[in-house]
């Protein structure tokens, strides 16, 4: 999506967009970082809410291959 269209959809000016982000790639990087952080926090919360061994919890979430590489 172009910055102009994105700014318009968000109800901000193009200059307002650039006041927060250096460019479109900076926005995409921030979105990815936010998505990654939220996903990680969700996994930590889910694992923390269950009793048991941390490896066993990871196996539940990701399968035996992921936990076996720890």
N, C-alpha and C. Protein backbone atom coordinates (compact mmCIF):
# COMPACT_ATOMS: atom_id res chain seq x y z
N UNK A 1 0.85 -1.16 0.00
CA UNK A 1 0.00 0.00 0.00
C UNK A 1 0.90 1.24 0.00
N UNK A 2 0.50 2.23 -0.72
CA UNK A 2 1.25 3.48 -0.80
C UNK A 2 1.02 4.32 0.46
N UNK A 3 2.01 5.10 0.81
CA UNK A 3 1.93 5.94 2.01
C UNK A 3 0.75 6.90 1.91
N UNK A 4 0.52 7.47 0.73
CA UNK A 4 -0.59 8.42 0.57
C UNK A 4 -1.93 7.76 0.90
N UNK A 5 -2.14 6.57 0.36
CA UNK A 5 -3.40 5.86 0.61
C UNK A 5 -3.52 5.44 2.07
N UNK A 6 -2.43 5.01 2.64
CA UNK A 6 -2.44 4.61 4.04
C UNK A 6 -2.76 5.80 4.94
N UNK A 7 -2.10 6.92 4.70
CA UNK A 7 -2.35 8.13 5.49
C UNK A 7 -3.82 8.54 5.39
N UNK A 8 -4.35 8.51 4.18
CA UNK A 8 -5.75 8.88 3.99
C UNK A 8 -6.67 7.93 4.74
N UNK A 9 -6.40 6.63 4.68
CA UNK A 9 -7.23 5.65 5.38
C UNK A 9 -7.17 5.84 6.90
N UNK A 10 -6.02 6.31 7.39
CA UNK A 10 -5.86 6.53 8.83
C UNK A 10 -6.36 7.90 9.26
N UNK A 11 -6.69 8.74 8.29
CA UNK A 11 -7.20 10.07 8.61
C UNK A 11 -6.10 11.03 9.02
N UNK A 12 -4.90 10.81 8.51
CA UNK A 12 -3.78 11.71 8.80
C UNK A 12 -3.20 12.21 7.47
N UNK A 13 -2.42 13.25 7.58
CA UNK A 13 -1.77 13.75 6.38
C UNK A 13 -0.53 12.92 6.09
N UNK A 14 -0.04 13.04 4.88
CA UNK A 14 1.20 12.36 4.52
C UNK A 14 2.34 12.85 5.42
N UNK A 15 2.36 14.14 5.69
CA UNK A 15 3.37 14.69 6.60
C UNK A 15 3.23 14.14 8.00
N UNK A 16 1.99 13.93 8.44
CA UNK A 16 1.75 13.35 9.75
C UNK A 16 2.29 11.93 9.84
N UNK A 17 2.12 11.20 8.75
CA UNK A 17 2.67 9.84 8.69
C UNK A 17 4.18 9.88 8.87
N UNK A 18 4.82 10.78 8.11
CA UNK A 18 6.28 10.87 8.17
C UNK A 18 6.76 11.48 9.48
N UNK A 19 5.88 12.08 10.25
CA UNK A 19 6.24 12.53 11.58
C UNK A 19 6.43 11.38 12.56
N UNK A 20 5.81 10.25 12.23
CA UNK A 20 5.91 9.06 13.09
C UNK A 20 6.86 8.01 12.53
N UNK A 21 6.94 7.91 11.22
CA UNK A 21 7.74 6.88 10.58
C UNK A 21 8.63 7.51 9.52
N UNK A 22 9.86 7.02 9.43
CA UNK A 22 10.80 7.56 8.43
C UNK A 22 10.34 7.25 7.01
N UNK A 23 9.74 6.08 6.83
CA UNK A 23 9.26 5.67 5.52
C UNK A 23 8.33 4.47 5.69
N UNK A 24 7.85 3.95 4.58
CA UNK A 24 6.92 2.82 4.61
C UNK A 24 7.56 1.60 5.26
N UNK A 25 8.83 1.36 4.97
CA UNK A 25 9.52 0.21 5.56
C UNK A 25 9.60 0.33 7.08
N UNK A 26 9.78 1.53 7.59
CA UNK A 26 9.81 1.72 9.05
C UNK A 26 8.46 1.34 9.66
N UNK A 27 7.37 1.68 8.97
CA UNK A 27 6.04 1.28 9.43
C UNK A 27 5.93 -0.23 9.44
N UNK A 28 6.34 -0.88 8.36
CA UNK A 28 6.24 -2.34 8.28
C UNK A 28 7.09 -3.02 9.35
N UNK A 29 8.28 -2.50 9.61
CA UNK A 29 9.12 -3.05 10.67
C UNK A 29 8.46 -2.91 12.03
N UNK A 30 7.85 -1.75 12.28
CA UNK A 30 7.16 -1.53 13.56
C UNK A 30 5.97 -2.46 13.69
N UNK A 31 5.24 -2.67 12.60
CA UNK A 31 4.11 -3.60 12.64
C UNK A 31 4.58 -5.02 12.94
N UNK A 32 5.66 -5.45 12.30
CA UNK A 32 6.19 -6.79 12.54
C UNK A 32 6.69 -6.93 13.98
N UNK A 33 7.39 -5.93 14.48
CA UNK A 33 7.86 -5.97 15.87
C UNK A 33 6.70 -6.07 16.85
N UNK A 34 5.64 -5.30 16.60
CA UNK A 34 4.46 -5.32 17.47
C UNK A 34 3.78 -6.68 17.43
N UNK A 35 3.64 -7.24 16.23
CA UNK A 35 3.03 -8.56 16.07
C UNK A 35 3.86 -9.63 16.78
N UNK A 36 5.17 -9.56 16.62
CA UNK A 36 6.06 -10.54 17.25
C UNK A 36 5.99 -10.43 18.77
N UNK A 37 6.00 -9.22 19.30
CA UNK A 37 5.95 -9.01 20.74
C UNK A 37 4.63 -9.54 21.31
N UNK A 38 3.52 -9.23 20.64
CA UNK A 38 2.21 -9.69 21.11
C UNK A 38 2.13 -11.21 21.10
N UNK A 39 2.65 -11.83 20.06
CA UNK A 39 2.64 -13.29 19.99
C UNK A 39 3.48 -13.91 21.08
N UNK A 40 4.66 -13.35 21.32
CA UNK A 40 5.55 -13.85 22.36
C UNK A 40 4.91 -13.70 23.73
N UNK A 41 4.32 -12.54 23.99
CA UNK A 41 3.67 -12.31 25.28
C UNK A 41 2.50 -13.28 25.49
N UNK A 42 1.77 -13.58 24.42
CA UNK A 42 0.66 -14.52 24.52
C UNK A 42 1.17 -15.91 24.89
N UNK A 43 2.25 -16.34 24.25
CA UNK A 43 2.81 -17.67 24.54
C UNK A 43 3.31 -17.73 25.97
N UNK A 44 3.99 -16.68 26.41
CA UNK A 44 4.49 -16.65 27.80
C UNK A 44 3.33 -16.72 28.78
N UNK A 45 2.28 -15.97 28.51
CA UNK A 45 1.12 -15.98 29.41
C UNK A 45 0.45 -17.35 29.43
N UNK A 46 0.30 -17.96 28.27
CA UNK A 46 -0.33 -19.28 28.21
C UNK A 46 0.53 -20.32 28.91
N UNK A 47 1.83 -20.27 28.70
CA UNK A 47 2.72 -21.24 29.34
C UNK A 47 2.76 -21.01 30.85
N UNK A 48 2.75 -19.76 31.27
CA UNK A 48 2.80 -19.45 32.69
C UNK A 48 1.54 -19.82 33.44
N UNK A 49 0.45 -19.96 32.73
CA UNK A 49 -0.82 -20.27 33.39
C UNK A 49 -1.01 -21.77 33.62
N UNK A 50 -0.06 -22.57 33.13
CA UNK A 50 -0.18 -24.01 33.28
C UNK A 50 0.97 -24.55 34.12
N UNK A 51 0.67 -25.50 35.01
CA UNK A 51 1.75 -26.10 35.79
C UNK A 51 2.58 -27.06 34.93
N UNK A 52 3.78 -27.32 35.38
CA UNK A 52 4.58 -28.32 34.70
C UNK A 52 5.90 -27.80 34.18
N UNK A 53 6.61 -28.71 33.56
CA UNK A 53 7.94 -28.46 33.02
C UNK A 53 7.87 -27.50 31.82
N UNK A 54 8.76 -26.51 31.77
CA UNK A 54 8.75 -25.56 30.65
C UNK A 54 8.88 -26.23 29.29
N UNK A 55 9.72 -27.28 29.18
CA UNK A 55 9.85 -27.98 27.90
C UNK A 55 8.54 -28.65 27.49
N UNK A 56 7.86 -29.21 28.45
CA UNK A 56 6.58 -29.86 28.16
C UNK A 56 5.57 -28.83 27.66
N UNK A 57 5.61 -27.64 28.25
CA UNK A 57 4.70 -26.58 27.82
C UNK A 57 5.00 -26.18 26.38
N UNK A 58 6.27 -26.04 26.07
CA UNK A 58 6.65 -25.68 24.69
C UNK A 58 6.23 -26.76 23.71
N UNK A 59 6.36 -28.01 24.11
CA UNK A 59 5.94 -29.10 23.25
C UNK A 59 4.44 -29.02 22.95
N UNK A 60 3.67 -28.61 23.95
CA UNK A 60 2.24 -28.45 23.73
C UNK A 60 1.96 -27.39 22.68
N UNK A 61 2.69 -26.28 22.75
CA UNK A 61 2.44 -25.16 21.85
C UNK A 61 3.02 -25.36 20.46
N UNK A 62 4.21 -25.98 20.38
CA UNK A 62 4.92 -26.01 19.11
C UNK A 62 5.21 -27.40 18.58
N UNK A 63 4.93 -28.42 19.33
CA UNK A 63 5.23 -29.77 18.89
C UNK A 63 6.60 -30.21 19.36
N UNK A 64 6.86 -31.48 19.30
CA UNK A 64 8.09 -32.05 19.85
C UNK A 64 9.34 -31.60 19.12
N UNK A 65 9.26 -31.29 17.82
CA UNK A 65 10.45 -30.89 17.07
C UNK A 65 11.00 -29.57 17.60
N UNK A 66 10.13 -28.60 17.87
CA UNK A 66 10.58 -27.28 18.33
C UNK A 66 11.20 -27.38 19.72
N UNK A 67 10.57 -28.10 20.62
CA UNK A 67 11.08 -28.19 21.98
C UNK A 67 12.34 -29.06 22.03
N UNK A 68 12.47 -30.02 21.13
CA UNK A 68 13.63 -30.87 21.10
C UNK A 68 14.90 -30.16 20.67
N UNK A 69 14.76 -28.99 20.07
CA UNK A 69 15.95 -28.25 19.64
C UNK A 69 16.44 -27.30 20.69
N UNK A 70 15.75 -27.22 21.84
CA UNK A 70 16.16 -26.30 22.91
C UNK A 70 17.38 -26.81 23.64
